[in-house]
Amino acid sequence: MPHGHAHLRYNSALCYWLAGTTMEINPYLNRIKDLTERTESLRGYL
C-alpha cells in the first residue's frame, strides 16, 4: 500500500476521534460559557 493511503486513513481516524471528543466536551464548554455570562451579570449587583 502506498504511503499516502496510510496517511489518509490516519487523518480520517484522527478527525473521527476529534469529532467525538468535541461532542463529549461541548456540554461542558456550554456550561462554562453560561456560568461566565451569569457571573458577569451578577458583578453589576455587587
PDB file of N, CA and C in Angstrom:
ATOM      1  N   MET A   1       0.855  -1.189   0.000  1.00  0.00           N
ATOM      2  CA  MET A   1       0.000   0.000   0.000  1.00  0.00           C
ATOM      3  C   MET A   1       0.891   1.238   0.000  1.00  0.00           C
ATOM      4  N   PRO A   2       0.616   2.215  -0.827  1.00  0.00           N
ATOM      5  CA  PRO A   2       1.414   3.437  -0.859  1.00  0.00           C
ATOM      6  C   PRO A   2       1.279   4.206   0.452  1.00  0.00           C
ATOM      7  N   HIS A   3       2.303   4.959   0.747  1.00  0.00           N
ATOM      8  CA  HIS A   3       2.347   5.728   1.993  1.00  0.00           C
ATOM      9  C   HIS A   3       1.162   6.695   2.114  1.00  0.00           C
ATOM     10  N   GLY A   4       0.735   7.297   1.026  1.00  0.00           N
ATOM     11  CA  GLY A   4      -0.347   8.281   1.048  1.00  0.00           C
ATOM     12  C   GLY A   4      -1.657   7.709   1.575  1.00  0.00           C
ATOM     13  N   HIS A   5      -1.960   6.457   1.256  1.00  0.00           N
ATOM     14  CA  HIS A   5      -3.205   5.849   1.720  1.00  0.00           C
ATOM     15  C   HIS A   5      -3.204   5.663   3.236  1.00  0.00           C
ATOM     16  N   ALA A   6      -2.065   5.265   3.786  1.00  0.00           N
ATOM     17  CA  ALA A   6      -1.970   5.096   5.240  1.00  0.00           C
ATOM     18  C   ALA A   6      -2.150   6.440   5.914  1.00  0.00           C
ATOM     19  N   HIS A   7      -1.593   7.480   5.313  1.00  0.00           N
ATOM     20  CA  HIS A   7      -1.710   8.826   5.866  1.00  0.00           C
ATOM     21  C   HIS A   7      -3.171   9.277   5.865  1.00  0.00           C
ATOM     22  N   LEU A   8      -3.879   9.008   4.777  1.00  0.00           N
ATOM     23  CA  LEU A   8      -5.293   9.390   4.705  1.00  0.00           C
ATOM     24  C   LEU A   8      -6.124   8.645   5.743  1.00  0.00           C
ATOM     25  N   ARG A   9      -5.812   7.362   5.926  1.00  0.00           N
ATOM     26  CA  ARG A   9      -6.563   6.578   6.907  1.00  0.00           C
ATOM     27  C   ARG A   9      -6.317   7.140   8.314  1.00  0.00           C
ATOM     28  N   TYR A  10      -5.072   7.506   8.597  1.00  0.00           N
ATOM     29  CA  TYR A  10      -4.738   8.090   9.902  1.00  0.00           C
ATOM     30  C   TYR A  10      -5.476   9.407  10.101  1.00  0.00           C
ATOM     31  N   ASN A  11      -5.484  10.256   9.070  1.00  0.00           N
ATOM     32  CA  ASN A  11      -6.165  11.539   9.184  1.00  0.00           C
ATOM     33  C   ASN A  11      -7.662  11.374   9.407  1.00  0.00           C
ATOM     34  N   SER A  12      -8.291  10.433   8.703  1.00  0.00           N
ATOM     35  CA  SER A  12      -9.730  10.244   8.877  1.00  0.00           C
ATOM     36  C   SER A  12     -10.036   9.689  10.268  1.00  0.00           C
ATOM     37  N   ALA A  13      -9.173   8.813  10.790  1.00  0.00           N
ATOM     38  CA  ALA A  13      -9.373   8.298  12.145  1.00  0.00           C
ATOM     39  C   ALA A  13      -9.199   9.408  13.163  1.00  0.00           C
ATOM     40  N   LEU A  14      -8.224  10.271  12.936  1.00  0.00           N
ATOM     41  CA  LEU A  14      -7.995  11.393  13.848  1.00  0.00           C
ATOM     42  C   LEU A  14      -9.178  12.354  13.827  1.00  0.00           C
ATOM     43  N   CYS A  15      -9.698  12.646  12.641  1.00  0.00           N
ATOM     44  CA  CYS A  15     -10.857  13.536  12.527  1.00  0.00           C
ATOM     45  C   CYS A  15     -12.076  12.935  13.225  1.00  0.00           C
ATOM     46  N   TYR A  16     -12.268  11.635  13.067  1.00  0.00           N
ATOM     47  CA  TYR A  16     -13.386  10.959  13.725  1.00  0.00           C
ATOM     48  C   TYR A  16     -13.246  11.059  15.244  1.00  0.00           C
ATOM     49  N   TRP A  17     -12.024  10.845  15.757  1.00  0.00           N
ATOM     50  CA  TRP A  17     -11.785  10.921  17.197  1.00  0.00           C
ATOM     51  C   TRP A  17     -12.012  12.340  17.701  1.00  0.00           C
ATOM     52  N   LEU A  18     -11.514  13.340  16.958  1.00  0.00           N
ATOM     53  CA  LEU A  18     -11.684  14.732  17.374  1.00  0.00           C
ATOM     54  C   LEU A  18     -13.156  15.131  17.373  1.00  0.00           C
ATOM     55  N   ALA A  19     -13.916  14.664  16.401  1.00  0.00           N
ATOM     56  CA  ALA A  19     -15.344  14.982  16.345  1.00  0.00           C
ATOM     57  C   ALA A  19     -16.055  14.382  17.553  1.00  0.00           C
ATOM     58  N   GLY A  20     -15.720  13.154  17.910  1.00  0.00           N
ATOM     59  CA  GLY A  20     -16.333  12.521  19.073  1.00  0.00           C
ATOM     60  C   GLY A  20     -15.946  13.223  20.365  1.00  0.00           C
ATOM     61  N   THR A  21     -14.689  13.622  20.468  1.00  0.00           N
ATOM     62  CA  THR A  21     -14.217  14.323  21.657  1.00  0.00           C
ATOM     63  C   THR A  21     -14.906  15.670  21.792  1.00  0.00           C
ATOM     64  N   THR A  22     -15.045  16.372  20.681  1.00  0.00           N
ATOM     65  CA  THR A  22     -15.709  17.678  20.702  1.00  0.00           C
ATOM     66  C   THR A  22     -17.151  17.534  21.158  1.00  0.00           C
ATOM     67  N   MET A  23     -17.826  16.495  20.685  1.00  0.00           N
ATOM     68  CA  MET A  23     -19.216  16.289  21.093  1.00  0.00           C
ATOM     69  C   MET A  23     -19.297  15.969  22.579  1.00  0.00           C
ATOM     70  N   GLU A  24     -18.295  15.285  23.122  1.00  0.00           N
ATOM     71  CA  GLU A  24     -18.307  14.933  24.539  1.00  0.00           C
ATOM     72  C   GLU A  24     -18.072  16.138  25.428  1.00  0.00           C
ATOM     73  N   ILE A  25     -17.191  17.056  25.026  1.00  0.00           N
ATOM     74  CA  ILE A  25     -16.875  18.196  25.890  1.00  0.00           C
ATOM     75  C   ILE A  25     -17.755  19.407  25.609  1.00  0.00           C
ATOM     76  N   ASN A  26     -18.533  19.370  24.538  1.00  0.00           N
ATOM     77  CA  ASN A  26     -19.388  20.500  24.190  1.00  0.00           C
ATOM     78  C   ASN A  26     -20.332  20.914  25.320  1.00  0.00           C
ATOM     79  N   PRO A  27     -21.007  19.981  25.998  1.00  0.00           N
ATOM     80  CA  PRO A  27     -21.881  20.402  27.095  1.00  0.00           C
ATOM     81  C   PRO A  27     -21.120  21.143  28.204  1.00  0.00           C
ATOM     82  N   TYR A  28     -19.887  20.720  28.473  1.00  0.00           N
ATOM     83  CA  TYR A  28     -19.083  21.394  29.492  1.00  0.00           C
ATOM     84  C   TYR A  28     -18.703  22.801  29.050  1.00  0.00           C
ATOM     85  N   LEU A  29     -18.330  22.936  27.781  1.00  0.00           N
ATOM     86  CA  LEU A  29     -17.982  24.261  27.276  1.00  0.00           C
ATOM     87  C   LEU A  29     -19.192  25.187  27.301  1.00  0.00           C
ATOM     88  N   ASN A  30     -20.358  24.663  26.951  1.00  0.00           N
ATOM     89  CA  ASN A  30     -21.583  25.467  27.003  1.00  0.00           C
ATOM     90  C   ASN A  30     -21.908  25.879  28.433  1.00  0.00           C
ATOM     91  N   ARG A  31     -21.700  24.985  29.374  1.00  0.00           N
ATOM     92  CA  ARG A  31     -21.974  25.283  30.783  1.00  0.00           C
ATOM     93  C   ARG A  31     -21.021  26.356  31.309  1.00  0.00           C
ATOM     94  N   ILE A  32     -19.746  26.246  30.940  1.00  0.00           N
ATOM     95  CA  ILE A  32     -18.770  27.250  31.352  1.00  0.00           C
ATOM     96  C   ILE A  32     -19.142  28.621  30.778  1.00  0.00           C
ATOM     97  N   LYS A  33     -19.545  28.648  29.513  1.00  0.00           N
ATOM     98  CA  LYS A  33     -19.950  29.902  28.887  1.00  0.00           C
ATOM     99  C   LYS A  33     -21.152  30.492  29.612  1.00  0.00           C
ATOM    100  N   ASP A  34     -22.130  29.658  29.932  1.00  0.00           N
ATOM    101  CA  ASP A  34     -23.324  30.112  30.632  1.00  0.00           C
ATOM    102  C   ASP A  34     -22.974  30.669  32.007  1.00  0.00           C
ATOM    103  N   LEU A  35     -22.132  29.965  32.744  1.00  0.00           N
ATOM    104  CA  LEU A  35     -21.750  30.423  34.081  1.00  0.00           C
ATOM    105  C   LEU A  35     -20.921  31.706  34.022  1.00  0.00           C
ATOM    106  N   THR A  36     -20.095  31.827  32.991  1.00  0.00           N
ATOM    107  CA  THR A  36     -19.309  33.051  32.820  1.00  0.00           C
ATOM    108  C   THR A  36     -20.230  34.239  32.571  1.00  0.00           C
ATOM    109  N   GLU A  37     -21.230  34.052  31.729  1.00  0.00           N
ATOM    110  CA  GLU A  37     -22.185  35.127  31.448  1.00  0.00           C
ATOM    111  C   GLU A  37     -22.975  35.497  32.699  1.00  0.00           C
ATOM    112  N   ARG A  38     -23.377  34.507  33.488  1.00  0.00           N
ATOM    113  CA  ARG A  38     -24.106  34.791  34.729  1.00  0.00           C
ATOM    114  C   ARG A  38     -23.233  35.544  35.717  1.00  0.00           C
ATOM    115  N   THR A  39     -21.960  35.145  35.807  1.00  0.00           N
ATOM    116  CA  THR A  39     -21.027  35.817  36.711  1.00  0.00           C
ATOM    117  C   THR A  39     -20.870  37.276  36.325  1.00  0.00           C
ATOM    118  N   GLU A  40     -20.731  37.531  35.026  1.00  0.00           N
ATOM    119  CA  GLU A  40     -20.594  38.905  34.555  1.00  0.00           C
ATOM    120  C   GLU A  40     -21.829  39.734  34.903  1.00  0.00           C
ATOM    121  N   SER A  41     -22.997  39.145  34.760  1.00  0.00           N
ATOM    122  CA  SER A  41     -24.211  39.897  35.057  1.00  0.00           C
ATOM    123  C   SER A  41     -24.369  40.134  36.548  1.00  0.00           C
ATOM    124  N   LEU A  42     -23.918  39.188  37.373  1.00  0.00           N
ATOM    125  CA  LEU A  42     -24.013  39.371  38.818  1.00  0.00           C
ATOM    126  C   LEU A  42     -23.026  40.405  39.347  1.00  0.00           C
ATOM    127  N   ARG A  43     -21.931  40.614  38.667  1.00  0.00           N
ATOM    128  CA  ARG A  43     -20.947  41.594  39.122  1.00  0.00           C
ATOM    129  C   ARG A  43     -21.548  42.987  39.210  1.00  0.00           C
ATOM    130  N   GLY A  44     -22.527  43.280  38.382  1.00  0.00           N
ATOM    131  CA  GLY A  44     -23.187  44.576  38.421  1.00  0.00           C
ATOM    132  C   GLY A  44     -23.964  44.818  39.698  1.00  0.00           C
ATOM    133  N   TYR A  45     -24.399  43.749  40.365  1.00  0.00           N
ATOM    134  CA  TYR A  45     -25.178  43.882  41.584  1.00  0.00           C
ATOM    135  C   TYR A  45     -24.321  43.983  42.822  1.00  0.00           C
ATOM    136  N   LEU A  46     -23.058  43.592  42.755  1.00  0.00           N
ATOM    137  CA  LEU A  46     -22.195  43.564  43.934  1.00  0.00           C
ATOM    138  C   LEU A  46     -21.455  44.863  44.131  1.00  0.00           C
TER     139      LEU A  46
END
